[in-house]
Structure formats: C-alpha cells, structure tokens
Amino acid sequence: MPSINFAKLKTSTGIPLATAKRSNDVGKTIFRANKARKRGKQNKQVFRSTMQMTKQTCTAN
C-alpha cells in the first residue's frame, strides 16, 4: 500500500480531508443547533454563534 497524503486528499465537497476531519465536531455542533432550532427553543443565538464559528473555521485554512 502506498502511503496516503491526507493533506492532498479532498472530500466530495472539495474541502481538504484533513480540514474536514478537524471541522467534523463543528458540523456536529451545527447539527445540534439545527435540531434545537426545530424544537422551537430560544437558541437562535446558539445557531448564530455556531455559524460564525464555522465560517471562521472554514476560512482559517
């Protein structure tokens, strides 16, 4: 097996795989925020801050 260079691999969305692995927990947070929003809780705040966090994470690379 040749060694795989994770830095060069891309996911289907074109995000580098190493980044995708790192931002997976961000995705989970968004998912949680979305679920809570659907439940009609007052956490638009949570959702908004999550989205900002995500934008920072995605642009940080």
PDB file of N, CA and C in Angstrom:
ATOM      1  N   MET A   1       0.839  -1.207   0.000  1.00  0.00           N
ATOM      2  CA  MET A   1       0.000   0.000   0.000  1.00  0.00           C
ATOM      3  C   MET A   1       0.874   1.257   0.000  1.00  0.00           C
ATOM      4  N   PRO A   2       0.675   2.121  -0.989  1.00  0.00           N
ATOM      5  CA  PRO A   2       1.394   3.400  -0.921  1.00  0.00           C
ATOM      6  C   PRO A   2       0.840   4.246   0.224  1.00  0.00           C
ATOM      7  N   SER A   3       1.686   5.054   0.815  1.00  0.00           N
ATOM      8  CA  SER A   3       1.198   5.890   1.918  1.00  0.00           C
ATOM      9  C   SER A   3       0.313   6.997   1.352  1.00  0.00           C
ATOM     10  N   ILE A   4      -0.740   7.302   2.067  1.00  0.00           N
ATOM     11  CA  ILE A   4      -1.691   8.309   1.599  1.00  0.00           C
ATOM     12  C   ILE A   4      -1.325   9.653   2.212  1.00  0.00           C
ATOM     13  N   ASN A   5      -1.269  10.662   1.365  1.00  0.00           N
ATOM     14  CA  ASN A   5      -1.008  12.008   1.870  1.00  0.00           C
ATOM     15  C   ASN A   5      -2.353  12.671   2.157  1.00  0.00           C
ATOM     16  N   PHE A   6      -2.692  12.750   3.436  1.00  0.00           N
ATOM     17  CA  PHE A   6      -4.007  13.278   3.808  1.00  0.00           C
ATOM     18  C   PHE A   6      -4.156  14.750   3.474  1.00  0.00           C
ATOM     19  N   ALA A   7      -3.048  15.450   3.473  1.00  0.00           N
ATOM     20  CA  ALA A   7      -3.107  16.887   3.202  1.00  0.00           C
ATOM     21  C   ALA A   7      -3.611  17.155   1.786  1.00  0.00           C
ATOM     22  N   LYS A   8      -3.346  16.197   0.867  1.00  0.00           N
ATOM     23  CA  LYS A   8      -3.712  16.430  -0.530  1.00  0.00           C
ATOM     24  C   LYS A   8      -5.096  15.900  -0.881  1.00  0.00           C
ATOM     25  N   LEU A   9      -5.616  15.000  -0.048  1.00  0.00           N
ATOM     26  CA  LEU A   9      -6.926  14.432  -0.346  1.00  0.00           C
ATOM     27  C   LEU A   9      -8.019  15.469  -0.170  1.00  0.00           C
ATOM     28  N   LYS A  10      -9.036  15.369  -1.017  1.00  0.00           N
ATOM     29  CA  LYS A  10     -10.164  16.283  -0.896  1.00  0.00           C
ATOM     30  C   LYS A  10     -11.437  15.466  -0.714  1.00  0.00           C
ATOM     31  N   THR A  11     -12.383  16.014   0.030  1.00  0.00           N
ATOM     32  CA  THR A  11     -13.671  15.351   0.159  1.00  0.00           C
ATOM     33  C   THR A  11     -14.505  15.699  -1.061  1.00  0.00           C
ATOM     34  N   SER A  12     -15.705  15.144  -1.139  1.00  0.00           N
ATOM     35  CA  SER A  12     -16.555  15.360  -2.307  1.00  0.00           C
ATOM     36  C   SER A  12     -16.932  16.830  -2.462  1.00  0.00           C
ATOM     37  N   THR A  13     -16.907  17.586  -1.364  1.00  0.00           N
ATOM     38  CA  THR A  13     -17.273  18.998  -1.454  1.00  0.00           C
ATOM     39  C   THR A  13     -16.072  19.871  -1.780  1.00  0.00           C
ATOM     40  N   GLY A  14     -14.906  19.245  -1.919  1.00  0.00           N
ATOM     41  CA  GLY A  14     -13.715  20.000  -2.274  1.00  0.00           C
ATOM     42  C   GLY A  14     -12.968  20.543  -1.072  1.00  0.00           C
ATOM     43  N   ILE A  15     -13.400  20.173   0.120  1.00  0.00           N
ATOM     44  CA  ILE A  15     -12.676  20.572   1.324  1.00  0.00           C
ATOM     45  C   ILE A  15     -11.540  19.576   1.536  1.00  0.00           C
ATOM     46  N   PRO A  16     -10.355  20.042   1.840  1.00  0.00           N
ATOM     47  CA  PRO A  16      -9.275  19.096   2.134  1.00  0.00           C
ATOM     48  C   PRO A  16      -9.676  18.165   3.265  1.00  0.00           C
ATOM     49  N   LEU A  17      -9.313  16.899   3.127  1.00  0.00           N
ATOM     50  CA  LEU A  17      -9.793  15.888   4.072  1.00  0.00           C
ATOM     51  C   LEU A  17      -9.313  16.161   5.492  1.00  0.00           C
ATOM     52  N   ALA A  18      -8.080  16.619   5.624  1.00  0.00           N
ATOM     53  CA  ALA A  18      -7.536  16.912   6.948  1.00  0.00           C
ATOM     54  C   ALA A  18      -8.400  17.958   7.647  1.00  0.00           C
ATOM     55  N   THR A  19      -8.833  18.959   6.869  1.00  0.00           N
ATOM     56  CA  THR A  19      -9.693  20.014   7.403  1.00  0.00           C
ATOM     57  C   THR A  19     -11.035  19.434   7.793  1.00  0.00           C
ATOM     58  N   ALA A  20     -11.571  18.596   6.915  1.00  0.00           N
ATOM     59  CA  ALA A  20     -12.887  18.014   7.160  1.00  0.00           C
ATOM     60  C   ALA A  20     -12.883  17.223   8.461  1.00  0.00           C
ATOM     61  N   LYS A  21     -11.812  16.468   8.678  1.00  0.00           N
ATOM     62  CA  LYS A  21     -11.699  15.701   9.917  1.00  0.00           C
ATOM     63  C   LYS A  21     -11.711  16.639  11.116  1.00  0.00           C
ATOM     64  N   ARG A  22     -10.970  17.739  10.975  1.00  0.00           N
ATOM     65  CA  ARG A  22     -10.849  18.667  12.090  1.00  0.00           C
ATOM     66  C   ARG A  22     -12.171  19.384  12.351  1.00  0.00           C
ATOM     67  N   SER A  23     -12.888  19.739  11.292  1.00  0.00           N
ATOM     68  CA  SER A  23     -14.102  20.528  11.474  1.00  0.00           C
ATOM     69  C   SER A  23     -15.334  19.647  11.619  1.00  0.00           C
ATOM     70  N   ASN A  24     -15.110  18.345  11.790  1.00  0.00           N
ATOM     71  CA  ASN A  24     -16.236  17.431  11.955  1.00  0.00           C
ATOM     72  C   ASN A  24     -17.043  17.783  13.194  1.00  0.00           C
ATOM     73  N   ASP A  25     -16.335  18.130  14.273  1.00  0.00           N
ATOM     74  CA  ASP A  25     -17.048  18.475  15.509  1.00  0.00           C
ATOM     75  C   ASP A  25     -17.841  19.765  15.333  1.00  0.00           C
ATOM     76  N   VAL A  26     -17.359  20.653  14.467  1.00  0.00           N
ATOM     77  CA  VAL A  26     -18.114  21.863  14.148  1.00  0.00           C
ATOM     78  C   VAL A  26     -19.424  21.469  13.484  1.00  0.00           C
ATOM     79  N   GLY A  27     -19.338  20.513  12.561  1.00  0.00           N
ATOM     80  CA  GLY A  27     -20.530  20.016  11.885  1.00  0.00           C
ATOM     81  C   GLY A  27     -21.527  19.451  12.867  1.00  0.00           C
ATOM     82  N   LYS A  28     -21.024  18.713  13.850  1.00  0.00           N
ATOM     83  CA  LYS A  28     -21.899  18.137  14.869  1.00  0.00           C
ATOM     84  C   LYS A  28     -22.584  19.236  15.661  1.00  0.00           C
ATOM     85  N   THR A  29     -21.843  20.305  15.943  1.00  0.00           N
ATOM     86  CA  THR A  29     -22.408  21.423  16.696  1.00  0.00           C
ATOM     87  C   THR A  29     -23.530  22.069  15.905  1.00  0.00           C
ATOM     88  N   ILE A  30     -23.305  22.262  14.607  1.00  0.00           N
ATOM     89  CA  ILE A  30     -24.343  22.841  13.754  1.00  0.00           C
ATOM     90  C   ILE A  30     -25.570  21.955  13.771  1.00  0.00           C
ATOM     91  N   PHE A  31     -25.326  20.645  13.637  1.00  0.00           N
ATOM     92  CA  PHE A  31     -26.425  19.689  13.627  1.00  0.00           C
ATOM     93  C   PHE A  31     -27.243  19.827  14.901  1.00  0.00           C
ATOM     94  N   ARG A  32     -26.540  19.934  16.034  1.00  0.00           N
ATOM     95  CA  ARG A  32     -27.207  20.057  17.319  1.00  0.00           C
ATOM     96  C   ARG A  32     -28.012  21.356  17.373  1.00  0.00           C
ATOM     97  N   ALA A  33     -27.414  22.436  16.878  1.00  0.00           N
ATOM     98  CA  ALA A  33     -28.081  23.738  16.878  1.00  0.00           C
ATOM     99  C   ALA A  33     -29.335  23.686  16.018  1.00  0.00           C
ATOM    100  N   ASN A  34     -29.219  23.030  14.863  1.00  0.00           N
ATOM    101  CA  ASN A  34     -30.366  22.902  13.965  1.00  0.00           C
ATOM    102  C   ASN A  34     -31.493  22.126  14.617  1.00  0.00           C
ATOM    103  N   LYS A  35     -31.120  21.022  15.265  1.00  0.00           N
ATOM    104  CA  LYS A  35     -32.121  20.184  15.914  1.00  0.00           C
ATOM    105  C   LYS A  35     -32.852  20.976  16.994  1.00  0.00           C
ATOM    106  N   ALA A  36     -32.072  21.713  17.771  1.00  0.00           N
ATOM    107  CA  ALA A  36     -32.647  22.519  18.846  1.00  0.00           C
ATOM    108  C   ALA A  36     -33.561  23.589  18.263  1.00  0.00           C
ATOM    109  N   ARG A  37     -33.169  24.142  17.122  1.00  0.00           N
ATOM    110  CA  ARG A  37     -33.978  25.175  16.487  1.00  0.00           C
ATOM    111  C   ARG A  37     -35.323  24.595  16.055  1.00  0.00           C
ATOM    112  N   LYS A  38     -35.271  23.390  15.508  1.00  0.00           N
ATOM    113  CA  LYS A  38     -36.505  22.742  15.079  1.00  0.00           C
ATOM    114  C   LYS A  38     -37.425  22.496  16.256  1.00  0.00           C
ATOM    115  N   ARG A  39     -36.828  22.238  17.421  1.00  0.00           N
ATOM    116  CA  ARG A  39     -37.633  22.017  18.611  1.00  0.00           C
ATOM    117  C   ARG A  39     -38.271  23.310  19.098  1.00  0.00           C
ATOM    118  N   GLY A  40     -37.887  24.427  18.478  1.00  0.00           N
ATOM    119  CA  GLY A  40     -38.510  25.694  18.821  1.00  0.00           C
ATOM    120  C   GLY A  40     -37.959  26.314  20.081  1.00  0.00           C
ATOM    121  N   LYS A  41     -36.737  25.967  20.423  1.00  0.00           N
ATOM    122  CA  LYS A  41     -36.116  26.584  21.604  1.00  0.00           C
ATOM    123  C   LYS A  41     -35.633  27.981  21.244  1.00  0.00           C
ATOM    124  N   GLN A  42     -35.238  28.737  22.254  1.00  0.00           N
ATOM    125  CA  GLN A  42     -34.834  30.121  22.002  1.00  0.00           C
ATOM    126  C   GLN A  42     -33.348  30.215  21.686  1.00  0.00           C
ATOM    127  N   ASN A  43     -32.795  29.225  21.006  1.00  0.00           N
ATOM    128  CA  ASN A  43     -31.357  29.314  20.768  1.00  0.00           C
ATOM    129  C   ASN A  43     -31.025  29.699  19.340  1.00  0.00           C
ATOM    130  N   LYS A  44     -31.667  30.727  18.854  1.00  0.00           N
ATOM    131  CA  LYS A  44     -31.209  31.319  17.606  1.00  0.00           C
ATOM    132  C   LYS A  44     -29.807  31.847  17.854  1.00  0.00           C
ATOM    133  N   GLN A  45     -29.591  32.295  19.086  1.00  0.00           N
ATOM    134  CA  GLN A  45     -28.279  32.799  19.497  1.00  0.00           C
ATOM    135  C   GLN A  45     -27.219  31.725  19.282  1.00  0.00           C
ATOM    136  N   VAL A  46     -27.500  30.539  19.786  1.00  0.00           N
ATOM    137  CA  VAL A  46     -26.570  29.410  19.657  1.00  0.00           C
ATOM    138  C   VAL A  46     -26.294  29.156  18.189  1.00  0.00           C
ATOM    139  N   PHE A  47     -27.368  29.116  17.414  1.00  0.00           N
ATOM    140  CA  PHE A  47     -27.241  28.836  15.989  1.00  0.00           C
ATOM    141  C   PHE A  47     -26.356  29.880  15.316  1.00  0.00           C
ATOM    142  N   ARG A  48     -26.625  31.149  15.649  1.00  0.00           N
ATOM    143  CA  ARG A  48     -25.892  32.235  15.015  1.00  0.00           C
ATOM    144  C   ARG A  48     -24.406  32.160  15.355  1.00  0.00           C
ATOM    145  N   SER A  49     -24.116  31.959  16.638  1.00  0.00           N
ATOM    146  CA  SER A  49     -22.709  31.898  17.052  1.00  0.00           C
ATOM    147  C   SER A  49     -22.031  30.682  16.431  1.00  0.00           C
ATOM    148  N   THR A  50     -22.794  29.601  16.281  1.00  0.00           N
ATOM    149  CA  THR A  50     -22.250  28.397  15.652  1.00  0.00           C
ATOM    150  C   THR A  50     -21.868  28.690  14.213  1.00  0.00           C
ATOM    151  N   MET A  51     -22.745  29.379  13.502  1.00  0.00           N
ATOM    152  CA  MET A  51     -22.476  29.682  12.106  1.00  0.00           C
ATOM    153  C   MET A  51     -21.237  30.562  11.984  1.00  0.00           C
ATOM    154  N   GLN A  52     -21.109  31.523  12.883  1.00  0.00           N
ATOM    155  CA  GLN A  52     -19.929  32.385  12.845  1.00  0.00           C
ATOM    156  C   GLN A  52     -18.670  31.563  13.078  1.00  0.00           C
ATOM    157  N   MET A  53     -18.746  30.675  14.060  1.00  0.00           N
ATOM    158  CA  MET A  53     -17.624  29.811  14.390  1.00  0.00           C
ATOM    159  C   MET A  53     -17.225  28.990  13.163  1.00  0.00           C
ATOM    160  N   THR A  54     -18.242  28.470  12.480  1.00  0.00           N
ATOM    161  CA  THR A  54     -17.997  27.634  11.305  1.00  0.00           C
ATOM    162  C   THR A  54     -17.307  28.439  10.217  1.00  0.00           C
ATOM    163  N   LYS A  55     -17.813  29.648   9.976  1.00  0.00           N
ATOM    164  CA  LYS A  55     -17.221  30.485   8.942  1.00  0.00           C
ATOM    165  C   LYS A  55     -15.754  30.722   9.247  1.00  0.00           C
ATOM    166  N   GLN A  56     -15.455  30.993  10.514  1.00  0.00           N
ATOM    167  CA  GLN A  56     -14.068  31.223  10.909  1.00  0.00           C
ATOM    168  C   GLN A  56     -13.236  29.970  10.659  1.00  0.00           C
ATOM    169  N   THR A  57     -13.793  28.819  11.034  1.00  0.00           N
ATOM    170  CA  THR A  57     -13.058  27.566  10.882  1.00  0.00           C
ATOM    171  C   THR A  57     -12.768  27.301   9.412  1.00  0.00           C
ATOM    172  N   CYS A  58     -13.760  27.543   8.574  1.00  0.00           N
ATOM    173  CA  CYS A  58     -13.611  27.236   7.151  1.00  0.00           C
ATOM    174  C   CYS A  58     -12.649  28.204   6.477  1.00  0.00           C
ATOM    175  N   THR A  59     -12.646  29.466   6.919  1.00  0.00           N
ATOM    176  CA  THR A  59     -11.775  30.435   6.263  1.00  0.00           C
ATOM    177  C   THR A  59     -10.378  30.434   6.867  1.00  0.00           C
ATOM    178  N   ALA A  60     -10.232  29.795   8.030  1.00  0.00           N
ATOM    179  CA  ALA A  60      -8.931  29.778   8.709  1.00  0.00           C
ATOM    180  C   ALA A  60      -7.898  28.983   7.920  1.00  0.00           C
ATOM    181  N   ASN A  61      -8.369  28.075   7.067  1.00  0.00           N
ATOM    182  CA  ASN A  61      -7.425  27.218   6.347  1.00  0.00           C
ATOM    183  C   ASN A  61      -6.909  27.915   5.100  1.00  0.00           C
TER     184      ASN A  61
END
